[in-house]
């Protein structure tokens, strides 16, 4: 094993929540404001997952006051407290970028996997 892969293995989190594209998740993110630190939550649908290993990331989208908001999070970032799965989605695509063009209820409509 080379040096780079050893360093990457040390940086990876061991308790990563299992979620997929189409799931509704709540991301608990640490925010530092001045000298204080607090947890800020961002709830939305997972549009895409990309990368592998330490470089893996996922995109979460929500509609806030009629405007679409997307955030990209690194899975192994120390800023992420935890990822909580609210509901599982049943989708047939690896990337859900078509949801960007939807408006209203259709923008958040992903079938649940019951």
C-alpha atoms as a PDB file:
ATOM      1  CA  UNK A   1       0.000   0.000   0.000  1.00  0.00           C
ATOM      2  CA  UNK A   2       1.417   3.389  -0.932  1.00  0.00           C
ATOM      3  CA  UNK A   3       1.622   6.426   1.315  1.00  0.00           C
ATOM      4  CA  UNK A   4      -1.301   8.324  -0.238  1.00  0.00           C
ATOM      5  CA  UNK A   5      -3.789   5.502   0.267  1.00  0.00           C
ATOM      6  CA  UNK A   6      -2.656   5.125   3.905  1.00  0.00           C
ATOM      7  CA  UNK A   7      -3.264   8.814   4.567  1.00  0.00           C
ATOM      8  CA  UNK A   8      -6.669   8.663   2.844  1.00  0.00           C
ATOM      9  CA  UNK A   9      -7.659   5.652   4.939  1.00  0.00           C
ATOM     10  CA  UNK A  10      -6.860   7.562   8.138  1.00  0.00           C
ATOM     11  CA  UNK A  11      -9.019  10.521   7.043  1.00  0.00           C
ATOM     12  CA  UNK A  12     -12.115   8.452   6.166  1.00  0.00           C
ATOM     13  CA  UNK A  13     -15.050   8.221   8.571  1.00  0.00           C
ATOM     14  CA  UNK A  14     -16.011   4.797   9.842  1.00  0.00           C
ATOM     15  CA  UNK A  15     -19.677   5.533  10.627  1.00  0.00           C
ATOM     16  CA  UNK A  16     -21.083   6.631   7.264  1.00  0.00           C
ATOM     17  CA  UNK A  17     -24.862   6.351   6.869  1.00  0.00           C
ATOM     18  CA  UNK A  18     -26.053   4.229   3.952  1.00  0.00           C
ATOM     19  CA  UNK A  19     -28.275   6.291   1.637  1.00  0.00           C
ATOM     20  CA  UNK A  20     -28.945   6.367  -2.096  1.00  0.00           C
ATOM     21  CA  UNK A  21     -30.068   8.761  -4.805  1.00  0.00           C
ATOM     22  CA  UNK A  22     -33.741   9.678  -4.390  1.00  0.00           C
ATOM     23  CA  UNK A  23     -33.725   9.434  -0.601  1.00  0.00           C
ATOM     24  CA  UNK A  24     -34.888  12.362   1.491  1.00  0.00           C
ATOM     25  CA  UNK A  25     -32.120  13.094   3.977  1.00  0.00           C
ATOM     26  CA  UNK A  26     -31.430  15.552   6.772  1.00  0.00           C
ATOM     27  CA  UNK A  27     -27.771  16.621   6.852  1.00  0.00           C
ATOM     28  CA  UNK A  28     -26.547  17.881  10.241  1.00  0.00           C
ATOM     29  CA  UNK A  29     -23.763  20.334   9.402  1.00  0.00           C
ATOM     30  CA  UNK A  30     -21.407  22.046  11.872  1.00  0.00           C
ATOM     31  CA  UNK A  31     -21.273  25.823  11.354  1.00  0.00           C
ATOM     32  CA  UNK A  32     -18.709  28.059  13.049  1.00  0.00           C
ATOM     33  CA  UNK A  33     -19.848  31.645  13.628  1.00  0.00           C
ATOM     34  CA  UNK A  34     -17.292  33.747  15.431  1.00  0.00           C
ATOM     35  CA  UNK A  35     -16.116  31.659  18.373  1.00  0.00           C
ATOM     36  CA  UNK A  36     -19.303  29.599  18.625  1.00  0.00           C
ATOM     37  CA  UNK A  37     -20.179  26.379  16.869  1.00  0.00           C
ATOM     38  CA  UNK A  38     -23.693  25.149  16.157  1.00  0.00           C
ATOM     39  CA  UNK A  39     -25.445  22.458  14.145  1.00  0.00           C
ATOM     40  CA  UNK A  40     -27.426  23.549  11.081  1.00  0.00           C
ATOM     41  CA  UNK A  41     -29.747  21.093   9.336  1.00  0.00           C
ATOM     42  CA  UNK A  42     -30.394  20.890   5.600  1.00  0.00           C
ATOM     43  CA  UNK A  43     -33.218  18.592   4.511  1.00  0.00           C
ATOM     44  CA  UNK A  44     -33.792  17.634   0.895  1.00  0.00           C
ATOM     45  CA  UNK A  45     -33.620  14.993  -1.822  1.00  0.00           C
ATOM     46  CA  UNK A  46     -30.314  13.414  -2.809  1.00  0.00           C
ATOM     47  CA  UNK A  47     -29.855  14.253  -6.507  1.00  0.00           C
ATOM     48  CA  UNK A  48     -26.507  12.596  -7.150  1.00  0.00           C
ATOM     49  CA  UNK A  49     -23.600  10.744  -5.619  1.00  0.00           C
ATOM     50  CA  UNK A  50     -20.146  11.023  -7.130  1.00  0.00           C
ATOM     51  CA  UNK A  51     -16.570  10.007  -6.530  1.00  0.00           C
ATOM     52  CA  UNK A  52     -15.156   7.158  -4.499  1.00  0.00           C
ATOM     53  CA  UNK A  53     -13.154   6.754  -1.346  1.00  0.00           C
ATOM     54  CA  UNK A  54     -12.168   9.983   0.363  1.00  0.00           C
ATOM     55  CA  UNK A  55     -13.320  12.055  -2.626  1.00  0.00           C
ATOM     56  CA  UNK A  56     -16.938  10.849  -2.531  1.00  0.00           C
ATOM     57  CA  UNK A  57     -19.614  13.541  -2.435  1.00  0.00           C
ATOM     58  CA  UNK A  58     -23.377  13.886  -2.699  1.00  0.00           C
ATOM     59  CA  UNK A  59     -25.732  16.648  -3.820  1.00  0.00           C
ATOM     60  CA  UNK A  60     -28.856  17.546  -1.832  1.00  0.00           C
ATOM     61  CA  UNK A  61     -31.640  19.765  -3.205  1.00  0.00           C
ATOM     62  CA  UNK A  62     -34.561  21.429  -1.486  1.00  0.00           C
ATOM     63  CA  UNK A  63     -37.110  24.093  -2.373  1.00  0.00           C
ATOM     64  CA  UNK A  64     -36.860  27.097  -0.061  1.00  0.00           C
ATOM     65  CA  UNK A  65     -39.491  29.828  -0.466  1.00  0.00           C
ATOM     66  CA  UNK A  66     -40.085  28.824  -4.081  1.00  0.00           C
ATOM     67  CA  UNK A  67     -36.384  28.780  -5.009  1.00  0.00           C
ATOM     68  CA  UNK A  68     -34.349  25.622  -5.521  1.00  0.00           C
ATOM     69  CA  UNK A  69     -31.281  25.328  -3.300  1.00  0.00           C
ATOM     70  CA  UNK A  70     -28.581  22.709  -3.893  1.00  0.00           C
ATOM     71  CA  UNK A  71     -25.627  21.899  -1.685  1.00  0.00           C
ATOM     72  CA  UNK A  72     -22.774  19.516  -2.344  1.00  0.00           C
ATOM     73  CA  UNK A  73     -21.348  17.731   0.687  1.00  0.00           C
ATOM     74  CA  UNK A  74     -18.239  15.582   1.019  1.00  0.00           C
ATOM     75  CA  UNK A  75     -19.186  12.301   2.667  1.00  0.00           C
ATOM     76  CA  UNK A  76     -16.080  12.139   4.848  1.00  0.00           C
ATOM     77  CA  UNK A  77     -15.975  15.839   5.782  1.00  0.00           C
ATOM     78  CA  UNK A  78     -15.355  16.603   9.459  1.00  0.00           C
ATOM     79  CA  UNK A  79     -17.976  19.395   9.173  1.00  0.00           C
ATOM     80  CA  UNK A  80     -20.789  16.843   8.766  1.00  0.00           C
ATOM     81  CA  UNK A  81     -22.113  15.645  12.111  1.00  0.00           C
ATOM     82  CA  UNK A  82     -24.399  12.979  10.642  1.00  0.00           C
ATOM     83  CA  UNK A  83     -26.740  12.196   7.761  1.00  0.00           C
ATOM     84  CA  UNK A  84     -30.225  11.096   8.782  1.00  0.00           C
ATOM     85  CA  UNK A  85     -32.433   9.286   6.251  1.00  0.00           C
ATOM     86  CA  UNK A  86     -36.008  10.571   6.488  1.00  0.00           C
ATOM     87  CA  UNK A  87     -37.521   8.433   3.711  1.00  0.00           C
ATOM     88  CA  UNK A  88     -36.235   6.076   1.053  1.00  0.00           C
ATOM     89  CA  UNK A  89     -36.946   6.844  -2.582  1.00  0.00           C
ATOM     90  CA  UNK A  90     -37.487   4.492  -5.491  1.00  0.00           C
ATOM     91  CA  UNK A  91     -35.844   5.888  -8.610  1.00  0.00           C
ATOM     92  CA  UNK A  92     -34.612   4.506 -11.922  1.00  0.00           C
ATOM     93  CA  UNK A  93     -31.823   7.002 -12.484  1.00  0.00           C
ATOM     94  CA  UNK A  94     -28.357   7.469 -11.045  1.00  0.00           C
ATOM     95  CA  UNK A  95     -28.642  11.262 -11.285  1.00  0.00           C
ATOM     96  CA  UNK A  96     -31.890  13.176 -10.746  1.00  0.00           C
ATOM     97  CA  UNK A  97     -30.945  16.430 -12.460  1.00  0.00           C
ATOM     98  CA  UNK A  98     -34.337  16.522 -14.188  1.00  0.00           C
ATOM     99  CA  UNK A  99     -35.851  17.637 -10.851  1.00  0.00           C
ATOM    100  CA  UNK A 100     -34.202  21.045 -11.383  1.00  0.00           C
ATOM    101  CA  UNK A 101     -36.757  21.834 -14.099  1.00  0.00           C
ATOM    102  CA  UNK A 102     -39.791  20.786 -12.060  1.00  0.00           C
ATOM    103  CA  UNK A 103     -41.976  23.281 -10.218  1.00  0.00           C
ATOM    104  CA  UNK A 104     -44.187  22.892  -7.136  1.00  0.00           C
ATOM    105  CA  UNK A 105     -45.091  19.453  -5.841  1.00  0.00           C
ATOM    106  CA  UNK A 106     -43.541  17.772  -8.861  1.00  0.00           C
ATOM    107  CA  UNK A 107     -40.128  19.080  -7.796  1.00  0.00           C
ATOM    108  CA  UNK A 108     -40.198  17.027  -4.577  1.00  0.00           C
ATOM    109  CA  UNK A 109     -42.116  14.043  -5.890  1.00  0.00           C
ATOM    110  CA  UNK A 110     -39.997  10.892  -5.656  1.00  0.00           C
ATOM    111  CA  UNK A 111     -41.831   7.642  -4.960  1.00  0.00           C
ATOM    112  CA  UNK A 112     -41.133   6.039  -1.632  1.00  0.00           C
ATOM    113  CA  UNK A 113     -39.884   2.452  -1.592  1.00  0.00           C
ATOM    114  CA  UNK A 114     -42.547   0.753   0.541  1.00  0.00           C
END
